[in-house]
């Protein structure tokens, strides 16, 4: 039977190999997750930009209508004053 001391070094090498493989797999998974997070962050940024553009457009349209309404109210007031 082999001496236990002679078995330690091969076992340690095997453990080292397993740990190295596990580390590589873990890093690959982290890379995948980072790519997925990047995709989500890009989508979120795009969505925020779209919301900002929509909000600005809404303000522009609303402001235009407010201006028209104010002009109409002034005309009505003028007409009421003349009668």
PDB file of N, CA and C in Angstrom:
ATOM      1  N   UNK A   1       0.840  -1.182   0.000  1.00  0.00           N
ATOM      2  CA  UNK A   1       0.000   0.000   0.000  1.00  0.00           C
ATOM      3  C   UNK A   1       0.884   1.243   0.000  1.00  0.00           C
ATOM      4  N   UNK A   2       0.415   2.302  -0.688  1.00  0.00           N
ATOM      5  CA  UNK A   2       1.206   3.519  -0.813  1.00  0.00           C
ATOM      6  C   UNK A   2       1.235   4.266   0.508  1.00  0.00           C
ATOM      7  N   UNK A   3       2.322   4.951   0.692  1.00  0.00           N
ATOM      8  CA  UNK A   3       2.505   5.763   1.895  1.00  0.00           C
ATOM      9  C   UNK A   3       1.566   6.972   1.808  1.00  0.00           C
ATOM     10  N   UNK A   4       0.830   7.308   2.871  1.00  0.00           N
ATOM     11  CA  UNK A   4      -0.098   8.441   2.832  1.00  0.00           C
ATOM     12  C   UNK A   4       0.574   9.745   2.413  1.00  0.00           C
ATOM     13  N   UNK A   5       1.824   9.933   2.779  1.00  0.00           N
ATOM     14  CA  UNK A   5       2.536  11.155   2.399  1.00  0.00           C
ATOM     15  C   UNK A   5       2.687  11.235   0.889  1.00  0.00           C
ATOM     16  N   UNK A   6       2.823  10.082   0.221  1.00  0.00           N
ATOM     17  CA  UNK A   6       2.960  10.061  -1.234  1.00  0.00           C
ATOM     18  C   UNK A   6       1.626  10.372  -1.923  1.00  0.00           C
ATOM     19  N   UNK A   7       0.534  10.227  -1.230  1.00  0.00           N
ATOM     20  CA  UNK A   7      -0.787  10.474  -1.809  1.00  0.00           C
ATOM     21  C   UNK A   7      -1.212  11.944  -1.693  1.00  0.00           C
ATOM     22  N   UNK A   8      -0.558  12.668  -0.798  1.00  0.00           N
ATOM     23  CA  UNK A   8      -0.972  14.050  -0.526  1.00  0.00           C
ATOM     24  C   UNK A   8      -0.735  14.965  -1.727  1.00  0.00           C
ATOM     25  N   UNK A   9       0.453  14.908  -2.301  1.00  0.00           N
ATOM     26  CA  UNK A   9       0.785  15.808  -3.411  1.00  0.00           C
ATOM     27  C   UNK A   9      -0.147  15.587  -4.608  1.00  0.00           C
ATOM     28  N   UNK A  10      -0.391  14.351  -5.049  1.00  0.00           N
ATOM     29  CA  UNK A  10      -1.340  14.168  -6.155  1.00  0.00           C
ATOM     30  C   UNK A  10      -2.752  14.649  -5.814  1.00  0.00           C
ATOM     31  N   UNK A  11      -3.176  14.453  -4.579  1.00  0.00           N
ATOM     32  CA  UNK A  11      -4.502  14.928  -4.176  1.00  0.00           C
ATOM     33  C   UNK A  11      -4.568  16.453  -4.200  1.00  0.00           C
ATOM     34  N   UNK A  12      -3.494  17.093  -3.735  1.00  0.00           N
ATOM     35  CA  UNK A  12      -3.458  18.554  -3.764  1.00  0.00           C
ATOM     36  C   UNK A  12      -3.486  19.074  -5.203  1.00  0.00           C
ATOM     37  N   UNK A  13      -2.785  18.394  -6.107  1.00  0.00           N
ATOM     38  CA  UNK A  13      -2.802  18.785  -7.519  1.00  0.00           C
ATOM     39  C   UNK A  13      -4.209  18.635  -8.100  1.00  0.00           C
ATOM     40  N   UNK A  14      -4.870  17.563  -7.735  1.00  0.00           N
ATOM     41  CA  UNK A  14      -6.233  17.340  -8.209  1.00  0.00           C
ATOM     42  C   UNK A  14      -7.172  18.426  -7.684  1.00  0.00           C
ATOM     43  N   UNK A  15      -7.015  18.765  -6.413  1.00  0.00           N
ATOM     44  CA  UNK A  15      -7.830  19.830  -5.819  1.00  0.00           C
ATOM     45  C   UNK A  15      -7.553  21.156  -6.524  1.00  0.00           C
ATOM     46  N   UNK A  16      -6.276  21.429  -6.792  1.00  0.00           N
ATOM     47  CA  UNK A  16      -5.900  22.668  -7.479  1.00  0.00           C
ATOM     48  C   UNK A  16      -6.553  22.731  -8.866  1.00  0.00           C
ATOM     49  N   UNK A  17      -6.541  21.612  -9.572  1.00  0.00           N
ATOM     50  CA  UNK A  17      -7.153  21.555 -10.901  1.00  0.00           C
ATOM     51  C   UNK A  17      -8.656  21.807 -10.818  1.00  0.00           C
ATOM     52  N   UNK A  18      -9.306  21.186  -9.840  1.00  0.00           N
ATOM     53  CA  UNK A  18     -10.748  21.385  -9.670  1.00  0.00           C
ATOM     54  C   UNK A  18     -11.077  22.832  -9.318  1.00  0.00           C
ATOM     55  N   UNK A  19     -10.267  23.420  -8.454  1.00  0.00           N
ATOM     56  CA  UNK A  19     -10.497  24.817  -8.067  1.00  0.00           C
ATOM     57  C   UNK A  19     -10.292  25.733  -9.267  1.00  0.00           C
ATOM     58  N   UNK A  20      -9.262  25.454 -10.056  1.00  0.00           N
ATOM     59  CA  UNK A  20      -9.002  26.257 -11.248  1.00  0.00           C
ATOM     60  C   UNK A  20     -10.169  26.169 -12.232  1.00  0.00           C
ATOM     61  N   UNK A  21     -10.687  24.967 -12.442  1.00  0.00           N
ATOM     62  CA  UNK A  21     -11.826  24.789 -13.348  1.00  0.00           C
ATOM     63  C   UNK A  21     -13.058  25.514 -12.805  1.00  0.00           C
ATOM     64  N   UNK A  22     -13.265  25.420 -11.501  1.00  0.00           N
ATOM     65  CA  UNK A  22     -14.399  26.105 -10.879  1.00  0.00           C
ATOM     66  C   UNK A  22     -14.257  27.619 -11.034  1.00  0.00           C
ATOM     67  N   UNK A  23     -13.041  28.123 -10.851  1.00  0.00           N
ATOM     68  CA  UNK A  23     -12.795  29.560 -10.988  1.00  0.00           C
ATOM     69  C   UNK A  23     -13.086  30.016 -12.421  1.00  0.00           C
ATOM     70  N   UNK A  24     -12.642  29.251 -13.398  1.00  0.00           N
ATOM     71  CA  UNK A  24     -12.906  29.598 -14.799  1.00  0.00           C
ATOM     72  C   UNK A  24     -14.406  29.616 -15.089  1.00  0.00           C
ATOM     73  N   UNK A  25     -15.106  28.607 -14.597  1.00  0.00           N
ATOM     74  CA  UNK A  25     -16.556  28.549 -14.803  1.00  0.00           C
ATOM     75  C   UNK A  25     -17.243  29.743 -14.145  1.00  0.00           C
ATOM     76  N   UNK A  26     -16.797  30.078 -12.942  1.00  0.00           N
ATOM     77  CA  UNK A  26     -17.369  31.211 -12.221  1.00  0.00           C
ATOM     78  C   UNK A  26     -17.123  32.511 -12.979  1.00  0.00           C
ATOM     79  N   UNK A  27     -15.907  32.692 -13.488  1.00  0.00           N
ATOM     80  CA  UNK A  27     -15.593  33.907 -14.240  1.00  0.00           C
ATOM     81  C   UNK A  27     -16.417  33.983 -15.524  1.00  0.00           C
ATOM     82  N   UNK A  28     -16.618  32.857 -16.185  1.00  0.00           N
ATOM     83  CA  UNK A  28     -17.455  32.838 -17.389  1.00  0.00           C
ATOM     84  C   UNK A  28     -18.884  33.257 -17.056  1.00  0.00           C
ATOM     85  N   UNK A  29     -19.372  32.765 -15.939  1.00  0.00           N
ATOM     86  CA  UNK A  29     -20.734  33.132 -15.536  1.00  0.00           C
ATOM     87  C   UNK A  29     -20.825  34.613 -15.180  1.00  0.00           C
ATOM     88  N   UNK A  30     -19.792  35.132 -14.514  1.00  0.00           N
ATOM     89  CA  UNK A  30     -19.773  36.564 -14.215  1.00  0.00           C
ATOM     90  C   UNK A  30     -19.756  37.385 -15.498  1.00  0.00           C
ATOM     91  N   UNK A  31     -18.986  36.939 -16.484  1.00  0.00           N
ATOM     92  CA  UNK A  31     -18.953  37.637 -17.773  1.00  0.00           C
ATOM     93  C   UNK A  31     -20.337  37.647 -18.419  1.00  0.00           C
ATOM     94  N   UNK A  32     -21.021  36.515 -18.359  1.00  0.00           N
ATOM     95  CA  UNK A  32     -22.381  36.434 -18.910  1.00  0.00           C
ATOM     96  C   UNK A  32     -23.307  37.406 -18.178  1.00  0.00           C
ATOM     97  N   UNK A  33     -23.212  37.426 -16.855  1.00  0.00           N
ATOM     98  CA  UNK A  33     -24.072  38.315 -16.069  1.00  0.00           C
ATOM     99  C   UNK A  33     -23.758  39.780 -16.364  1.00  0.00           C
ATOM    100  N   UNK A  34     -22.470  40.101 -16.510  1.00  0.00           N
ATOM    101  CA  UNK A  34     -22.102  41.477 -16.821  1.00  0.00           C
ATOM    102  C   UNK A  34     -22.670  41.901 -18.172  1.00  0.00           C
ATOM    103  N   UNK A  35     -22.633  41.002 -19.156  1.00  0.00           N
ATOM    104  CA  UNK A  35     -23.213  41.322 -20.462  1.00  0.00           C
ATOM    105  C   UNK A  35     -24.722  41.521 -20.341  1.00  0.00           C
ATOM    106  N   UNK A  36     -25.374  40.692 -19.547  1.00  0.00           N
ATOM    107  CA  UNK A  36     -26.823  40.834 -19.367  1.00  0.00           C
ATOM    108  C   UNK A  36     -27.154  42.149 -18.664  1.00  0.00           C
ATOM    109  N   UNK A  37     -26.380  42.493 -17.627  1.00  0.00           N
ATOM    110  CA  UNK A  37     -26.599  43.763 -16.936  1.00  0.00           C
ATOM    111  C   UNK A  37     -26.378  44.934 -17.887  1.00  0.00           C
ATOM    112  N   UNK A  38     -25.359  44.844 -18.719  1.00  0.00           N
ATOM    113  CA  UNK A  38     -25.079  45.908 -19.687  1.00  0.00           C
ATOM    114  C   UNK A  38     -26.260  46.075 -20.640  1.00  0.00           C
ATOM    115  N   UNK A  39     -26.814  44.955 -21.094  1.00  0.00           N
ATOM    116  CA  UNK A  39     -27.981  45.004 -21.981  1.00  0.00           C
ATOM    117  C   UNK A  39     -29.157  45.680 -21.280  1.00  0.00           C
ATOM    118  N   UNK A  40     -29.388  45.312 -20.023  1.00  0.00           N
ATOM    119  CA  UNK A  40     -30.487  45.923 -19.261  1.00  0.00           C
ATOM    120  C   UNK A  40     -30.246  47.412 -19.028  1.00  0.00           C
ATOM    121  N   UNK A  41     -29.002  47.771 -18.698  1.00  0.00           N
ATOM    122  CA  UNK A  41     -28.684  49.175 -18.472  1.00  0.00           C
ATOM    123  C   UNK A  41     -28.871  49.986 -19.748  1.00  0.00           C
ATOM    124  N   UNK A  42     -28.456  49.427 -20.877  1.00  0.00           N
ATOM    125  CA  UNK A  42     -28.640  50.120 -22.155  1.00  0.00           C
ATOM    126  C   UNK A  42     -30.127  50.299 -22.469  1.00  0.00           C
ATOM    127  N   UNK A  43     -30.911  49.264 -22.212  1.00  0.00           N
ATOM    128  CA  UNK A  43     -32.355  49.351 -22.455  1.00  0.00           C
ATOM    129  C   UNK A  43     -32.986  50.396 -21.541  1.00  0.00           C
ATOM    130  N   UNK A  44     -32.548  50.425 -20.296  1.00  0.00           N
ATOM    131  CA  UNK A  44     -33.084  51.396 -19.348  1.00  0.00           C
ATOM    132  C   UNK A  44     -32.719  52.823 -19.782  1.00  0.00           C
ATOM    133  N   UNK A  45     -31.488  53.016 -20.223  1.00  0.00           N
ATOM    134  CA  UNK A  45     -31.064  54.331 -20.697  1.00  0.00           C
ATOM    135  C   UNK A  45     -31.894  54.755 -21.902  1.00  0.00           C
ATOM    136  N   UNK A  46     -32.098  53.834 -22.819  1.00  0.00           N
ATOM    137  CA  UNK A  46     -32.906  54.124 -24.005  1.00  0.00           C
ATOM    138  C   UNK A  46     -34.337  54.482 -23.607  1.00  0.00           C
ATOM    139  N   UNK A  47     -34.888  53.744 -22.662  1.00  0.00           N
ATOM    140  CA  UNK A  47     -36.249  54.007 -22.192  1.00  0.00           C
ATOM    141  C   UNK A  47     -36.334  55.387 -21.536  1.00  0.00           C
ATOM    142  N   UNK A  48     -35.334  55.722 -20.716  1.00  0.00           N
ATOM    143  CA  UNK A  48     -35.321  57.041 -20.071  1.00  0.00           C
ATOM    144  C   UNK A  48     -35.263  58.154 -21.115  1.00  0.00           C
ATOM    145  N   UNK A  49     -34.448  57.959 -22.141  1.00  0.00           N
ATOM    146  CA  UNK A  49     -34.351  58.970 -23.194  1.00  0.00           C
ATOM    147  C   UNK A  49     -35.677  59.112 -23.937  1.00  0.00           C
ATOM    148  N   UNK A  50     -36.332  57.992 -24.189  1.00  0.00           N
ATOM    149  CA  UNK A  50     -37.631  58.037 -24.869  1.00  0.00           C
ATOM    150  C   UNK A  50     -38.660  58.757 -24.002  1.00  0.00           C
ATOM    151  N   UNK A  51     -38.649  58.486 -22.699  1.00  0.00           N
ATOM    152  CA  UNK A  51     -39.584  59.171 -21.799  1.00  0.00           C
ATOM    153  C   UNK A  51     -39.310  60.666 -21.750  1.00  0.00           C
ATOM    154  N   UNK A  52     -38.036  61.025 -21.723  1.00  0.00           N
ATOM    155  CA  UNK A  52     -37.679  62.440 -21.704  1.00  0.00           C
ATOM    156  C   UNK A  52     -38.160  63.128 -22.974  1.00  0.00           C
ATOM    157  N   UNK A  53     -37.928  62.493 -24.107  1.00  0.00           N
ATOM    158  CA  UNK A  53     -38.380  63.067 -25.384  1.00  0.00           C
ATOM    159  C   UNK A  53     -39.899  63.195 -25.410  1.00  0.00           C
ATOM    160  N   UNK A  54     -40.591  62.173 -24.933  1.00  0.00           N
ATOM    161  CA  UNK A  54     -42.055  62.212 -24.902  1.00  0.00           C
ATOM    162  C   UNK A  54     -42.543  63.320 -23.979  1.00  0.00           C
ATOM    163  N   UNK A  55     -41.884  63.460 -22.833  1.00  0.00           N
ATOM    164  CA  UNK A  55     -42.263  64.497 -21.884  1.00  0.00           C
ATOM    165  C   UNK A  55     -42.055  65.889 -22.483  1.00  0.00           C
ATOM    166  N   UNK A  56     -40.928  66.078 -23.166  1.00  0.00           N
ATOM    167  CA  UNK A  56     -40.675  67.374 -23.792  1.00  0.00           C
ATOM    168  C   UNK A  56     -41.694  67.666 -24.887  1.00  0.00           C
ATOM    169  N   UNK A  57     -42.012  66.666 -25.674  1.00  0.00           N
ATOM    170  CA  UNK A  57     -43.012  66.842 -26.726  1.00  0.00           C
ATOM    171  C   UNK A  57     -44.373  67.176 -26.122  1.00  0.00           C
ATOM    172  N   UNK A  58     -44.725  66.502 -25.047  1.00  0.00           N
ATOM    173  CA  UNK A  58     -46.006  66.776 -24.372  1.00  0.00           C
ATOM    174  C   UNK A  58     -46.044  68.203 -23.848  1.00  0.00           C
ATOM    175  N   UNK A  59     -44.930  68.640 -23.268  1.00  0.00           N
ATOM    176  CA  UNK A  59     -44.877  70.019 -22.762  1.00  0.00           C
ATOM    177  C   UNK A  59     -45.016  71.022 -23.900  1.00  0.00           C
ATOM    178  N   UNK A  60     -44.372  70.725 -25.016  1.00  0.00           N
ATOM    179  CA  UNK A  60     -44.464  71.614 -26.170  1.00  0.00           C
ATOM    180  C   UNK A  60     -45.902  71.709 -26.664  1.00  0.00           C
ATOM    181  N   UNK A  61     -46.547  70.562 -26.814  1.00  0.00           N
ATOM    182  CA  UNK A  61     -47.930  70.543 -27.290  1.00  0.00           C
ATOM    183  C   UNK A  61     -48.843  71.223 -26.282  1.00  0.00           C
ATOM    184  N   UNK A  62     -48.663  70.918 -25.009  1.00  0.00           N
ATOM    185  CA  UNK A  62     -49.490  71.521 -23.961  1.00  0.00           C
ATOM    186  C   UNK A  62     -49.287  73.030 -23.926  1.00  0.00           C
ATOM    187  N   UNK A  63     -48.039  73.451 -24.033  1.00  0.00           N
ATOM    188  CA  UNK A  63     -47.749  74.886 -24.040  1.00  0.00           C
ATOM    189  C   UNK A  63     -48.402  75.581 -25.217  1.00  0.00           C
ATOM    190  N   UNK A  64     -48.402  74.927 -26.362  1.00  0.00           N
ATOM    191  CA  UNK A  64     -49.041  75.493 -27.549  1.00  0.00           C
ATOM    192  C   UNK A  64     -50.543  75.652 -27.324  1.00  0.00           C
ATOM    193  N   UNK A  65     -51.172  74.639 -26.746  1.00  0.00           N
ATOM    194  CA  UNK A  65     -52.606  74.723 -26.472  1.00  0.00           C
ATOM    195  C   UNK A  65     -52.904  75.784 -25.422  1.00  0.00           C
ATOM    196  N   UNK A  66     -52.046  75.892 -24.415  1.00  0.00           N
ATOM    197  CA  UNK A  66     -52.260  76.910 -23.387  1.00  0.00           C
ATOM    198  C   UNK A  66     -52.210  78.301 -24.004  1.00  0.00           C
ATOM    199  N   UNK A  67     -51.260  78.490 -24.921  1.00  0.00           N
ATOM    200  CA  UNK A  67     -51.169  79.783 -25.601  1.00  0.00           C
ATOM    201  C   UNK A  67     -52.419  80.084 -26.400  1.00  0.00           C
ATOM    202  N   UNK A  68     -52.924  79.092 -27.101  1.00  0.00           N
ATOM    203  CA  UNK A  68     -54.152  79.281 -27.878  1.00  0.00           C
ATOM    204  C   UNK A  68     -55.340  79.575 -26.972  1.00  0.00           C
ATOM    205  N   UNK A  69     -55.431  78.855 -25.876  1.00  0.00           N
ATOM    206  CA  UNK A  69     -56.546  79.053 -24.937  1.00  0.00           C
ATOM    207  C   UNK A  69     -56.486  80.452 -24.343  1.00  0.00           C
ATOM    208  N   UNK A  70     -55.282  80.894 -23.968  1.00  0.00           N
ATOM    209  CA  UNK A  70     -55.144  82.247 -23.417  1.00  0.00           C
ATOM    210  C   UNK A  70     -55.566  83.297 -24.440  1.00  0.00           C
ATOM    211  N   UNK A  71     -55.179  83.095 -25.692  1.00  0.00           N
ATOM    212  CA  UNK A  71     -55.573  84.047 -26.744  1.00  0.00           C
ATOM    213  C   UNK A  71     -57.088  84.066 -26.908  1.00  0.00           C
ATOM    214  N   UNK A  72     -57.706  82.897 -26.898  1.00  0.00           N
ATOM    215  CA  UNK A  72     -59.168  82.829 -27.013  1.00  0.00           C
ATOM    216  C   UNK A  72     -59.850  83.479 -25.814  1.00  0.00           C
ATOM    217  N   UNK A  73     -59.314  83.259 -24.628  1.00  0.00           N
ATOM    218  CA  UNK A  73     -59.896  83.871 -23.431  1.00  0.00           C
ATOM    219  C   UNK A  73     -59.804  85.391 -23.507  1.00  0.00           C
ATOM    220  N   UNK A  74     -58.674  85.896 -24.012  1.00  0.00           N
ATOM    221  CA  UNK A  74     -58.542  87.352 -24.161  1.00  0.00           C
ATOM    222  C   UNK A  74     -59.571  87.899 -25.155  1.00  0.00           C
ATOM    223  N   UNK A  75     -59.759  87.184 -26.249  1.00  0.00           N
ATOM    224  CA  UNK A  75     -60.740  87.629 -27.250  1.00  0.00           C
ATOM    225  C   UNK A  75     -62.152  87.610 -26.676  1.00  0.00           C
ATOM    226  N   UNK A  76     -62.469  86.572 -25.911  1.00  0.00           N
ATOM    227  CA  UNK A  76     -63.797  86.498 -25.281  1.00  0.00           C
ATOM    228  C   UNK A  76     -63.961  87.651 -24.304  1.00  0.00           C
ATOM    229  N   UNK A  77     -62.931  87.928 -23.516  1.00  0.00           N
ATOM    230  CA  UNK A  77     -63.002  89.044 -22.563  1.00  0.00           C
ATOM    231  C   UNK A  77     -63.204  90.364 -23.290  1.00  0.00           C
ATOM    232  N   UNK A  78     -62.486  90.546 -24.401  1.00  0.00           N
ATOM    233  CA  UNK A  78     -62.640  91.775 -25.180  1.00  0.00           C
ATOM    234  C   UNK A  78     -64.057  91.889 -25.734  1.00  0.00           C
ATOM    235  N   UNK A  79     -64.580  90.794 -26.232  1.00  0.00           N
ATOM    236  CA  UNK A  79     -65.944  90.805 -26.772  1.00  0.00           C
ATOM    237  C   UNK A  79     -66.967  91.078 -25.677  1.00  0.00           C
ATOM    238  N   UNK A  80     -66.733  90.528 -24.505  1.00  0.00           N
ATOM    239  CA  UNK A  80     -67.654  90.761 -23.384  1.00  0.00           C
ATOM    240  C   UNK A  80     -67.600  92.219 -22.946  1.00  0.00           C
ATOM    241  N   UNK A  81     -66.400  92.799 -22.995  1.00  0.00           N
ATOM    242  CA  UNK A  81     -66.257  94.201 -22.594  1.00  0.00           C
ATOM    243  C   UNK A  81     -66.963  95.137 -23.578  1.00  0.00           C
ATOM    244  N   UNK A  82     -66.984  94.779 -24.856  1.00  0.00           N
ATOM    245  CA  UNK A  82     -67.627  95.615 -25.875  1.00  0.00           C
ATOM    246  C   UNK A  82     -69.150  95.511 -25.830  1.00  0.00           C
ATOM    247  N   UNK A  83     -69.679  94.479 -25.261  1.00  0.00           N
ATOM    248  CA  UNK A  83     -71.128  94.351 -25.280  1.00  0.00           C
ATOM    249  C   UNK A  83     -71.776  94.928 -24.065  1.00  0.00           C
TER     250      UNK A  83
END
